Amino acid sequence: SILKQGQPAVIVNTASAAGITNTASSASGGSMAYTVAKSGVVLISESLDAAMRSRKAPVSVHVLCPFGTKSDIMWNSMESSVTFKTEKSKEKMKKRITSMADQLMDGFLPADKLTEVLEECIDIGRFYVVTPDNKSWNGVKGGDINLARTWMLGRAEDFINDRPPLSYLSRENRPAFAEMFKQ
């Protein structure tokens, strides 16, 4: 096991921004099962990190929570599950899927940049590896990790102020959320 070896090691678990932001209630109708699963990955990672630190083990634990990664996942999924009658119909569908994916993934990091962010976070000892979100959300422009931190702060404020969960995302709280993001 890693502990018995006593050598420095790094563990990275991949979750999603959904694991720290709870996207299940979003206007886009994020999947509750996906959010719960990714939240579980974050919780397991937090617990593992605490266990390694309590043992003074030379094991660095990190949880990768990307807002999205620019990739060909949509087309690759389609191509592997659909049989096309002709090469022309396949190319036509690829063009449509690629165009749609480009719009959906606008602002997401390509995999090589995601790797750079991960390596930097490992080097500086940052546990939560949250990628920059270059998209706008409810009028708040992303671009760095402040959006993820603001979401986490919003959840904490719901708890502290005895508000229902995810109240910080409601229309009436949007201006306060935007103000938190600026800080």
N, C-alpha and C. Protein backbone atom coordinates (compact mmCIF):
# COMPACT_ATOMS: atom_id res chain seq x y z
N SER A 1 0.84 -1.19 0.00
CA SER A 1 0.00 0.00 0.00
C SER A 1 0.88 1.24 0.00
N ILE A 2 0.28 2.35 -0.33
CA ILE A 2 1.01 3.62 -0.38
C ILE A 2 1.58 3.96 0.99
N LEU A 3 0.81 3.74 2.04
CA LEU A 3 1.27 4.07 3.39
C LEU A 3 2.46 3.23 3.81
N LYS A 4 2.45 1.95 3.51
CA LYS A 4 3.54 1.06 3.90
C LYS A 4 4.85 1.42 3.21
N GLN A 5 4.74 1.94 1.97
CA GLN A 5 5.94 2.32 1.23
C GLN A 5 6.62 3.53 1.85
N GLY A 6 5.84 4.42 2.46
CA GLY A 6 6.42 5.59 3.12
C GLY A 6 7.04 6.61 2.17
N GLN A 7 6.78 6.45 0.89
CA GLN A 7 7.33 7.35 -0.12
C GLN A 7 6.32 8.45 -0.44
N PRO A 8 6.79 9.64 -0.82
CA PRO A 8 5.86 10.69 -1.23
C PRO A 8 4.98 10.20 -2.40
N ALA A 9 3.71 10.53 -2.32
CA ALA A 9 2.77 10.11 -3.35
C ALA A 9 1.70 11.18 -3.53
N VAL A 10 1.05 11.13 -4.66
CA VAL A 10 -0.03 12.07 -4.98
C VAL A 10 -1.24 11.26 -5.41
N ILE A 11 -2.38 11.60 -4.85
CA ILE A 11 -3.65 10.99 -5.25
C ILE A 11 -4.53 12.10 -5.77
N VAL A 12 -5.06 11.92 -6.99
CA VAL A 12 -6.00 12.88 -7.57
C VAL A 12 -7.28 12.13 -7.90
N ASN A 13 -8.37 12.58 -7.32
CA ASN A 13 -9.69 12.04 -7.66
C ASN A 13 -10.39 13.06 -8.53
N THR A 14 -11.05 12.58 -9.58
CA THR A 14 -11.74 13.49 -10.49
C THR A 14 -13.22 13.53 -10.16
N ALA A 15 -13.69 14.72 -9.82
CA ALA A 15 -15.11 14.95 -9.55
C ALA A 15 -15.61 15.87 -10.66
N SER A 16 -16.16 16.98 -10.28
CA SER A 16 -16.71 17.96 -11.20
C SER A 16 -17.05 19.19 -10.39
N ALA A 17 -17.20 20.31 -11.06
CA ALA A 17 -17.69 21.49 -10.35
C ALA A 17 -19.06 21.19 -9.75
N ALA A 18 -19.80 20.28 -10.34
CA ALA A 18 -21.10 19.89 -9.79
C ALA A 18 -20.96 19.29 -8.39
N GLY A 19 -19.79 18.77 -8.08
CA GLY A 19 -19.56 18.19 -6.76
C GLY A 19 -19.40 19.21 -5.66
N ILE A 20 -19.13 20.46 -6.02
CA ILE A 20 -19.00 21.51 -5.00
C ILE A 20 -20.05 22.61 -5.16
N THR A 21 -20.81 22.57 -6.24
CA THR A 21 -21.75 23.66 -6.49
C THR A 21 -23.21 23.24 -6.50
N ASN A 22 -23.50 21.97 -6.55
CA ASN A 22 -24.86 21.45 -6.61
C ASN A 22 -25.63 22.02 -7.78
N THR A 23 -25.37 21.48 -8.95
CA THR A 23 -26.02 21.94 -10.17
C THR A 23 -27.38 21.29 -10.41
N ALA A 24 -27.80 20.43 -9.49
CA ALA A 24 -29.07 19.72 -9.70
C ALA A 24 -30.26 20.65 -9.78
N SER A 25 -30.16 21.83 -9.19
CA SER A 25 -31.29 22.75 -9.21
C SER A 25 -31.14 23.84 -10.26
N SER A 26 -30.13 23.74 -11.09
CA SER A 26 -29.87 24.80 -12.06
C SER A 26 -30.96 24.87 -13.11
N ALA A 27 -31.04 26.02 -13.75
CA ALA A 27 -32.03 26.22 -14.80
C ALA A 27 -31.83 25.23 -15.94
N SER A 28 -30.60 24.80 -16.12
CA SER A 28 -30.34 23.83 -17.19
C SER A 28 -30.79 22.43 -16.80
N GLY A 29 -31.24 22.28 -15.55
CA GLY A 29 -31.75 20.98 -15.12
C GLY A 29 -30.68 19.95 -14.93
N GLY A 30 -29.58 20.34 -14.32
CA GLY A 30 -28.49 19.41 -14.08
C GLY A 30 -28.98 18.13 -13.41
N SER A 31 -28.33 17.05 -13.67
CA SER A 31 -28.74 15.75 -13.16
C SER A 31 -28.46 15.62 -11.67
N MET A 32 -29.49 15.30 -10.91
CA MET A 32 -29.31 15.13 -9.47
C MET A 32 -28.38 13.95 -9.18
N ALA A 33 -28.52 12.86 -9.92
CA ALA A 33 -27.66 11.69 -9.70
C ALA A 33 -26.20 12.06 -9.95
N TYR A 34 -25.95 12.80 -11.01
CA TYR A 34 -24.58 13.23 -11.34
C TYR A 34 -24.02 14.09 -10.22
N THR A 35 -24.81 15.06 -9.76
CA THR A 35 -24.38 15.96 -8.70
C THR A 35 -24.08 15.19 -7.42
N VAL A 36 -24.94 14.24 -7.06
CA VAL A 36 -24.74 13.45 -5.85
C VAL A 36 -23.47 12.60 -5.98
N ALA A 37 -23.28 11.99 -7.13
CA ALA A 37 -22.08 11.16 -7.34
C ALA A 37 -20.81 12.00 -7.23
N LYS A 38 -20.80 13.16 -7.86
CA LYS A 38 -19.61 14.00 -7.84
C LYS A 38 -19.39 14.60 -6.45
N SER A 39 -20.46 14.90 -5.73
CA SER A 39 -20.33 15.36 -4.34
C SER A 39 -19.71 14.26 -3.49
N GLY A 40 -20.08 13.01 -3.77
CA GLY A 40 -19.49 11.88 -3.06
C GLY A 40 -18.00 11.77 -3.30
N VAL A 41 -17.57 12.01 -4.53
CA VAL A 41 -16.13 11.97 -4.83
C VAL A 41 -15.40 13.06 -4.03
N VAL A 42 -16.01 14.25 -3.95
CA VAL A 42 -15.40 15.34 -3.18
C VAL A 42 -15.32 14.95 -1.70
N LEU A 43 -16.39 14.41 -1.16
CA LEU A 43 -16.42 14.03 0.26
C LEU A 43 -15.41 12.92 0.57
N ILE A 44 -15.33 11.92 -0.28
CA ILE A 44 -14.33 10.85 -0.09
C ILE A 44 -12.92 11.44 -0.14
N SER A 45 -12.69 12.35 -1.06
CA SER A 45 -11.37 12.98 -1.19
C SER A 45 -11.03 13.80 0.05
N GLU A 46 -12.01 14.57 0.55
CA GLU A 46 -11.78 15.34 1.77
C GLU A 46 -11.44 14.42 2.94
N SER A 47 -12.17 13.32 3.05
CA SER A 47 -11.93 12.37 4.14
C SER A 47 -10.56 11.71 4.00
N LEU A 48 -10.20 11.34 2.79
CA LEU A 48 -8.89 10.72 2.55
C LEU A 48 -7.77 11.70 2.86
N ASP A 49 -7.94 12.94 2.46
CA ASP A 49 -6.92 13.96 2.76
C ASP A 49 -6.75 14.12 4.27
N ALA A 50 -7.87 14.19 5.00
CA ALA A 50 -7.79 14.33 6.46
C ALA A 50 -7.11 13.11 7.08
N ALA A 51 -7.41 11.93 6.56
CA ALA A 51 -6.79 10.71 7.08
C ALA A 51 -5.27 10.71 6.84
N MET A 52 -4.85 11.15 5.66
CA MET A 52 -3.41 11.18 5.35
C MET A 52 -2.70 12.21 6.23
N ARG A 53 -3.32 13.37 6.42
CA ARG A 53 -2.70 14.39 7.27
C ARG A 53 -2.63 13.93 8.72
N SER A 54 -3.68 13.26 9.22
CA SER A 54 -3.67 12.82 10.62
C SER A 54 -2.59 11.76 10.86
N ARG A 55 -2.23 11.02 9.82
CA ARG A 55 -1.18 10.01 9.93
C ARG A 55 0.20 10.59 9.58
N LYS A 56 0.21 11.86 9.22
CA LYS A 56 1.44 12.51 8.76
C LYS A 56 2.09 11.73 7.61
N ALA A 57 1.23 11.16 6.79
CA ALA A 57 1.69 10.38 5.64
C ALA A 57 2.18 11.34 4.55
N PRO A 58 3.19 10.94 3.81
CA PRO A 58 3.71 11.80 2.74
C PRO A 58 2.85 11.69 1.47
N VAL A 59 1.54 11.73 1.67
CA VAL A 59 0.60 11.55 0.56
C VAL A 59 -0.22 12.83 0.39
N SER A 60 -0.12 13.39 -0.76
CA SER A 60 -0.85 14.61 -1.11
C SER A 60 -2.13 14.20 -1.84
N VAL A 61 -3.28 14.65 -1.34
CA VAL A 61 -4.57 14.31 -1.96
C VAL A 61 -5.17 15.57 -2.56
N HIS A 62 -5.75 15.42 -3.74
CA HIS A 62 -6.37 16.54 -4.46
C HIS A 62 -7.65 16.06 -5.11
N VAL A 63 -8.61 16.97 -5.26
CA VAL A 63 -9.83 16.62 -5.98
C VAL A 63 -9.98 17.61 -7.14
N LEU A 64 -10.06 17.05 -8.33
CA LEU A 64 -10.17 17.83 -9.56
C LEU A 64 -11.65 18.08 -9.84
N CYS A 65 -12.02 19.36 -9.88
CA CYS A 65 -13.43 19.76 -10.08
C CYS A 65 -13.54 20.70 -11.27
N PRO A 66 -13.37 20.18 -12.48
CA PRO A 66 -13.45 21.06 -13.65
C PRO A 66 -14.88 21.53 -13.93
N PHE A 67 -14.99 22.74 -14.44
CA PHE A 67 -16.29 23.25 -14.88
C PHE A 67 -16.66 22.64 -16.21
N GLY A 68 -15.74 22.04 -16.84
CA GLY A 68 -15.96 21.40 -18.13
C GLY A 68 -14.63 21.32 -18.84
N THR A 69 -14.53 20.35 -19.71
CA THR A 69 -13.31 20.16 -20.48
C THR A 69 -13.69 20.11 -21.95
N LYS A 70 -13.02 20.92 -22.72
CA LYS A 70 -13.27 20.92 -24.16
C LYS A 70 -12.74 19.62 -24.73
N SER A 71 -13.63 18.85 -25.33
CA SER A 71 -13.24 17.54 -25.86
C SER A 71 -14.21 17.11 -26.96
N ASP A 72 -13.95 15.96 -27.51
CA ASP A 72 -14.82 15.37 -28.53
C ASP A 72 -15.78 14.35 -27.93
N ILE A 73 -16.06 14.45 -26.64
CA ILE A 73 -16.86 13.44 -25.96
C ILE A 73 -18.24 13.25 -26.59
N MET A 74 -18.88 14.35 -27.00
CA MET A 74 -20.22 14.22 -27.58
C MET A 74 -20.18 13.42 -28.88
N TRP A 75 -19.24 13.77 -29.74
CA TRP A 75 -19.15 13.05 -31.01
C TRP A 75 -18.70 11.60 -30.79
N ASN A 76 -17.71 11.40 -29.93
CA ASN A 76 -17.23 10.04 -29.68
C ASN A 76 -18.34 9.16 -29.14
N SER A 77 -19.20 9.70 -28.26
CA SER A 77 -20.33 8.93 -27.73
C SER A 77 -21.31 8.59 -28.84
N MET A 78 -21.59 9.57 -29.67
CA MET A 78 -22.53 9.35 -30.78
C MET A 78 -21.97 8.33 -31.75
N GLU A 79 -20.74 8.50 -32.13
CA GLU A 79 -20.13 7.63 -33.14
C GLU A 79 -20.08 6.17 -32.68
N SER A 80 -19.85 5.97 -31.37
CA SER A 80 -19.74 4.60 -30.89
C SER A 80 -21.10 3.94 -30.66
N SER A 81 -22.18 4.72 -30.67
CA SER A 81 -23.48 4.12 -30.37
C SER A 81 -24.48 4.17 -31.52
N VAL A 82 -24.12 4.82 -32.61
CA VAL A 82 -25.05 4.97 -33.74
C VAL A 82 -24.42 4.36 -34.99
N THR A 83 -25.24 3.67 -35.75
CA THR A 83 -24.80 3.14 -37.04
C THR A 83 -25.34 4.07 -38.13
N PHE A 84 -24.48 4.57 -38.95
CA PHE A 84 -24.87 5.48 -40.01
C PHE A 84 -25.02 4.71 -41.32
N LYS A 85 -26.04 5.09 -42.09
CA LYS A 85 -26.29 4.40 -43.36
C LYS A 85 -25.22 4.70 -44.40
N THR A 86 -24.76 5.95 -44.41
CA THR A 86 -23.75 6.35 -45.39
C THR A 86 -22.68 7.21 -44.71
N GLU A 87 -21.57 7.32 -45.38
CA GLU A 87 -20.50 8.17 -44.89
C GLU A 87 -20.95 9.63 -44.90
N LYS A 88 -21.76 9.99 -45.89
CA LYS A 88 -22.26 11.36 -46.00
C LYS A 88 -23.16 11.71 -44.80
N SER A 89 -24.04 10.78 -44.42
CA SER A 89 -24.91 11.04 -43.25
C SER A 89 -24.09 11.13 -41.96
N LYS A 90 -23.04 10.34 -41.89
CA LYS A 90 -22.15 10.38 -40.72
C LYS A 90 -21.45 11.74 -40.64
N GLU A 91 -20.93 12.23 -41.75
CA GLU A 91 -20.24 13.52 -41.78
C GLU A 91 -21.20 14.67 -41.47
N LYS A 92 -22.43 14.57 -41.95
CA LYS A 92 -23.43 15.60 -41.69
C LYS A 92 -23.74 15.66 -40.19
N MET A 93 -23.92 14.49 -39.59
CA MET A 93 -24.20 14.43 -38.16
C MET A 93 -23.00 14.91 -37.35
N LYS A 94 -21.80 14.55 -37.78
CA LYS A 94 -20.60 14.98 -37.07
C LYS A 94 -20.51 16.51 -37.08
N LYS A 95 -20.83 17.11 -38.20
CA LYS A 95 -20.79 18.57 -38.31
C LYS A 95 -21.79 19.20 -37.35
N ARG A 96 -23.01 18.65 -37.27
CA ARG A 96 -24.03 19.18 -36.36
C ARG A 96 -23.62 19.01 -34.90
N ILE A 97 -23.15 17.83 -34.55
CA ILE A 97 -22.75 17.56 -33.16
C ILE A 97 -21.56 18.42 -32.77
N THR A 98 -20.59 18.54 -33.65
CA THR A 98 -19.40 19.33 -33.37
C THR A 98 -19.77 20.80 -33.18
N SER A 99 -20.66 21.31 -34.00
CA SER A 99 -21.10 22.71 -33.86
C SER A 99 -21.81 22.92 -32.52
N MET A 100 -22.69 21.99 -32.18
CA MET A 100 -23.41 22.09 -30.91
C MET A 100 -22.42 21.99 -29.73
N ALA A 101 -21.49 21.08 -29.81
CA ALA A 101 -20.49 20.90 -28.74
C ALA A 101 -19.63 22.15 -28.60
N ASP A 102 -19.25 22.75 -29.72
CA ASP A 102 -18.44 23.97 -29.66
C ASP A 102 -19.17 25.06 -28.89
N GLN A 103 -20.48 25.19 -29.11
CA GLN A 103 -21.26 26.20 -28.39
C GLN A 103 -21.36 25.86 -26.91
N LEU A 104 -21.64 24.60 -26.61
CA LEU A 104 -21.78 24.18 -25.21
C LEU A 104 -20.46 24.28 -24.46
N MET A 105 -19.37 24.00 -25.14
CA MET A 105 -18.07 23.96 -24.48
C MET A 105 -17.28 25.25 -24.62
N ASP A 106 -17.91 26.29 -25.17
CA ASP A 106 -17.24 27.57 -25.29
C ASP A 106 -16.81 28.04 -23.90
N GLY A 107 -15.56 28.33 -23.74
CA GLY A 107 -15.04 28.77 -22.44
C GLY A 107 -14.47 27.65 -21.59
N PHE A 108 -14.70 26.39 -21.98
CA PHE A 108 -14.12 25.28 -21.23
C PHE A 108 -12.65 25.14 -21.61
N LEU A 109 -11.87 24.60 -20.69
CA LEU A 109 -10.45 24.40 -20.95
C LEU A 109 -10.20 23.15 -21.76
N PRO A 110 -9.25 23.20 -22.69
CA PRO A 110 -8.84 21.96 -23.34
C PRO A 110 -8.06 21.10 -22.34
N ALA A 111 -7.98 19.83 -22.61
CA ALA A 111 -7.37 18.87 -21.67
C ALA A 111 -5.94 19.26 -21.29
N ASP A 112 -5.15 19.76 -22.24
CA ASP A 112 -3.75 20.11 -21.90
C ASP A 112 -3.69 21.26 -20.90
N LYS A 113 -4.62 22.22 -20.99
CA LYS A 113 -4.66 23.32 -20.02
C LYS A 113 -5.15 22.83 -18.67
N LEU A 114 -6.09 21.89 -18.68
CA LEU A 114 -6.58 21.29 -17.45
C LEU A 114 -5.42 20.62 -16.71
N THR A 115 -4.57 19.95 -17.45
CA THR A 115 -3.39 19.30 -16.87
C THR A 115 -2.46 20.34 -16.24
N GLU A 116 -2.29 21.48 -16.90
CA GLU A 116 -1.44 22.54 -16.34
C GLU A 116 -2.00 23.06 -15.01
N VAL A 117 -3.32 23.28 -14.96
CA VAL A 117 -3.96 23.75 -13.73
C VAL A 117 -3.76 22.72 -12.63
N LEU A 118 -3.96 21.44 -12.94
CA LEU A 118 -3.78 20.37 -11.96
C LEU A 118 -2.35 20.34 -11.43
N GLU A 119 -1.38 20.38 -12.32
CA GLU A 119 0.02 20.35 -11.90
C GLU A 119 0.37 21.53 -11.02
N GLU A 120 -0.13 22.71 -11.37
CA GLU A 120 0.13 23.90 -10.55
C GLU A 120 -0.46 23.73 -9.15
N CYS A 121 -1.68 23.21 -9.08
CA CYS A 121 -2.32 23.02 -7.77
C CYS A 121 -1.59 21.98 -6.93
N ILE A 122 -1.11 20.92 -7.56
CA ILE A 122 -0.33 19.93 -6.83
C ILE A 122 0.95 20.58 -6.29
N ASP A 123 1.62 21.36 -7.14
CA ASP A 123 2.87 22.02 -6.74
C ASP A 123 2.68 22.94 -5.54
N ILE A 124 1.56 23.67 -5.49
CA ILE A 124 1.36 24.63 -4.39
C ILE A 124 0.57 24.03 -3.22
N GLY A 125 0.15 22.77 -3.37
CA GLY A 125 -0.54 22.09 -2.28
C GLY A 125 -2.02 22.44 -2.16
N ARG A 126 -2.64 22.89 -3.24
CA ARG A 126 -4.07 23.22 -3.21
C ARG A 126 -4.89 21.95 -3.35
N PHE A 127 -5.76 21.70 -2.39
CA PHE A 127 -6.59 20.49 -2.39
C PHE A 127 -7.66 20.55 -3.49
N TYR A 128 -8.47 21.60 -3.48
CA TYR A 128 -9.54 21.73 -4.48
C TYR A 128 -8.95 22.28 -5.77
N VAL A 129 -8.97 21.48 -6.81
CA VAL A 129 -8.45 21.89 -8.10
C VAL A 129 -9.66 22.26 -8.95
N VAL A 130 -9.97 23.55 -8.96
CA VAL A 130 -11.13 24.05 -9.69
C VAL A 130 -10.62 24.84 -10.87
N THR A 131 -11.08 24.48 -12.04
CA THR A 131 -10.61 25.15 -13.24
C THR A 131 -11.32 26.48 -13.43
N PRO A 132 -10.67 27.40 -14.12
CA PRO A 132 -11.35 28.67 -14.41
C PRO A 132 -12.62 28.42 -15.21
N ASP A 133 -13.64 29.18 -14.91
CA ASP A 133 -14.90 29.09 -15.64
C ASP A 133 -15.01 30.35 -16.48
N ASN A 134 -14.79 30.21 -17.76
CA ASN A 134 -14.81 31.38 -18.63
C ASN A 134 -16.20 31.71 -19.16
N LYS A 135 -17.19 31.02 -18.65
CA LYS A 135 -18.56 31.30 -19.05
C LYS A 135 -19.18 32.31 -18.11
N SER A 136 -20.26 32.91 -18.54
CA SER A 136 -21.04 33.78 -17.66
C SER A 136 -22.11 32.93 -17.00
N TRP A 137 -22.47 33.29 -15.80
CA TRP A 137 -23.52 32.58 -15.08
C TRP A 137 -24.41 33.60 -14.43
N ASN A 138 -25.68 33.64 -14.84
CA ASN A 138 -26.64 34.60 -14.28
C ASN A 138 -26.07 36.02 -14.25
N GLY A 139 -25.40 36.41 -15.34
CA GLY A 139 -24.89 37.77 -15.43
C GLY A 139 -23.54 37.98 -14.79
N VAL A 140 -22.98 36.95 -14.17
CA VAL A 140 -21.66 37.06 -13.54
C VAL A 140 -20.65 36.41 -14.47
N LYS A 141 -19.67 37.17 -14.91
CA LYS A 141 -18.65 36.66 -15.82
C LYS A 141 -17.63 35.86 -15.05
N GLY A 142 -17.35 34.66 -15.53
CA GLY A 142 -16.34 33.82 -14.90
C GLY A 142 -14.95 34.23 -15.38
N GLY A 143 -14.00 33.35 -15.21
CA GLY A 143 -12.66 33.63 -15.70
C GLY A 143 -11.58 33.17 -14.74
N ASP A 144 -11.93 32.94 -13.50
CA ASP A 144 -10.96 32.38 -12.57
C ASP A 144 -11.72 31.51 -11.57
N ILE A 145 -11.08 31.11 -10.51
CA ILE A 145 -11.74 30.19 -9.59
C ILE A 145 -12.64 30.89 -8.59
N ASN A 146 -12.77 32.21 -8.68
CA ASN A 146 -13.64 32.92 -7.74
C ASN A 146 -15.08 32.45 -7.81
N LEU A 147 -15.55 32.07 -8.98
CA LEU A 147 -16.93 31.64 -9.11
C LEU A 147 -17.18 30.40 -8.25
N ALA A 148 -16.28 29.44 -8.28
CA ALA A 148 -16.44 28.24 -7.45
C ALA A 148 -16.42 28.60 -5.98
N ARG A 149 -15.51 29.47 -5.59
CA ARG A 149 -15.42 29.88 -4.19
C ARG A 149 -16.68 30.64 -3.78
N THR A 150 -17.21 31.43 -4.69
CA THR A 150 -18.43 32.18 -4.39
C THR A 150 -19.60 31.22 -4.21
N TRP A 151 -19.68 30.19 -5.04
CA TRP A 151 -20.75 29.19 -4.87
C TRP A 151 -20.64 28.52 -3.51
N MET A 152 -19.42 28.16 -3.12
CA MET A 152 -19.25 27.51 -1.82
C MET A 152 -19.61 28.46 -0.68
N LEU A 153 -19.24 29.73 -0.82
CA LEU A 153 -19.59 30.73 0.18
C LEU A 153 -21.11 30.92 0.24
N GLY A 154 -21.74 30.92 -0.93
CA GLY A 154 -23.20 31.05 -0.98
C GLY A 154 -23.89 29.92 -0.23
N ARG A 155 -23.40 28.71 -0.40
CA ARG A 155 -23.98 27.56 0.33
C ARG A 155 -23.79 27.73 1.83
N ALA A 156 -22.60 28.19 2.23
CA ALA A 156 -22.34 28.40 3.65
C ALA A 156 -23.26 29.49 4.21
N GLU A 157 -23.48 30.55 3.44
CA GLU A 157 -24.36 31.62 3.91
C GLU A 157 -25.81 31.15 4.02
N ASP A 158 -26.23 30.25 3.12
CA ASP A 158 -27.58 29.68 3.27
C ASP A 158 -27.69 28.99 4.63
N PHE A 159 -26.67 28.22 4.98
CA PHE A 159 -26.66 27.50 6.26
C PHE A 159 -26.63 28.47 7.44
N ILE A 160 -25.69 29.42 7.40
CA ILE A 160 -25.52 30.37 8.49
C ILE A 160 -26.77 31.22 8.72
N ASN A 161 -27.42 31.62 7.62
CA ASN A 161 -28.59 32.49 7.72
C ASN A 161 -29.91 31.71 7.77
N ASP A 162 -29.81 30.41 7.96
CA ASP A 162 -30.99 29.55 8.10
C ASP A 162 -31.97 29.71 6.94
N ARG A 163 -31.39 29.77 5.73
CA ARG A 163 -32.21 29.85 4.52
C ARG A 163 -32.32 28.45 3.92
N PRO A 164 -33.34 28.20 3.12
CA PRO A 164 -33.43 26.91 2.44
C PRO A 164 -32.20 26.68 1.55
N PRO A 165 -31.84 25.42 1.33
CA PRO A 165 -30.68 25.13 0.47
C PRO A 165 -30.80 25.79 -0.90
N LEU A 166 -29.69 26.26 -1.39
CA LEU A 166 -29.55 26.86 -2.71
C LEU A 166 -30.33 28.16 -2.88
N SER A 167 -30.69 28.80 -1.76
CA SER A 167 -31.36 30.10 -1.83
C SER A 167 -30.48 31.15 -2.50
N TYR A 168 -29.19 31.01 -2.34
CA TYR A 168 -28.28 31.98 -2.94
C TYR A 168 -28.38 32.02 -4.45
N LEU A 169 -28.96 30.98 -5.05
CA LEU A 169 -29.11 30.94 -6.50
C LEU A 169 -30.42 31.56 -6.98
N SER A 170 -31.30 31.92 -6.07
CA SER A 170 -32.62 32.44 -6.45
C SER A 170 -32.51 33.83 -7.06
N ARG A 171 -33.53 34.20 -7.83
CA ARG A 171 -33.55 35.51 -8.49
C ARG A 171 -33.35 36.66 -7.50
N GLU A 172 -34.03 36.60 -6.36
CA GLU A 172 -33.93 37.72 -5.41
C GLU A 172 -32.55 37.84 -4.78
N ASN A 173 -31.79 36.76 -4.75
CA ASN A 173 -30.44 36.81 -4.16
C ASN A 173 -29.34 36.99 -5.22
N ARG A 174 -29.71 37.05 -6.48
CA ARG A 174 -28.72 37.18 -7.54
C ARG A 174 -27.81 38.39 -7.38
N PRO A 175 -28.36 39.59 -7.05
CA PRO A 175 -27.46 40.74 -6.87
C PRO A 175 -26.43 40.53 -5.75
N ALA A 176 -26.86 39.92 -4.65
CA ALA A 176 -25.92 39.66 -3.54
C ALA A 176 -24.87 38.65 -3.97
N PHE A 177 -25.29 37.64 -4.74
CA PHE A 177 -24.35 36.64 -5.25
C PHE A 177 -23.32 37.31 -6.16
N ALA A 178 -23.77 38.18 -7.04
CA ALA A 178 -22.85 38.89 -7.95
C ALA A 178 -21.87 39.75 -7.15
N GLU A 179 -22.34 40.35 -6.05
CA GLU A 179 -21.48 41.17 -5.22
C GLU A 179 -20.43 40.30 -4.51
N MET A 180 -20.84 39.12 -4.02
CA MET A 180 -19.89 38.19 -3.38
C MET A 180 -18.79 37.81 -4.37
N PHE A 181 -19.20 37.58 -5.60
CA PHE A 181 -18.25 37.14 -6.62
C PHE A 181 -17.16 38.18 -6.85
N LYS A 182 -17.50 39.44 -6.74
CA LYS A 182 -16.53 40.52 -6.98
C LYS A 182 -15.46 40.59 -5.91
N GLN A 183 -15.74 40.06 -4.73
CA GLN A 183 -14.81 40.18 -3.61
C GLN A 183 -13.63 39.27 -3.74
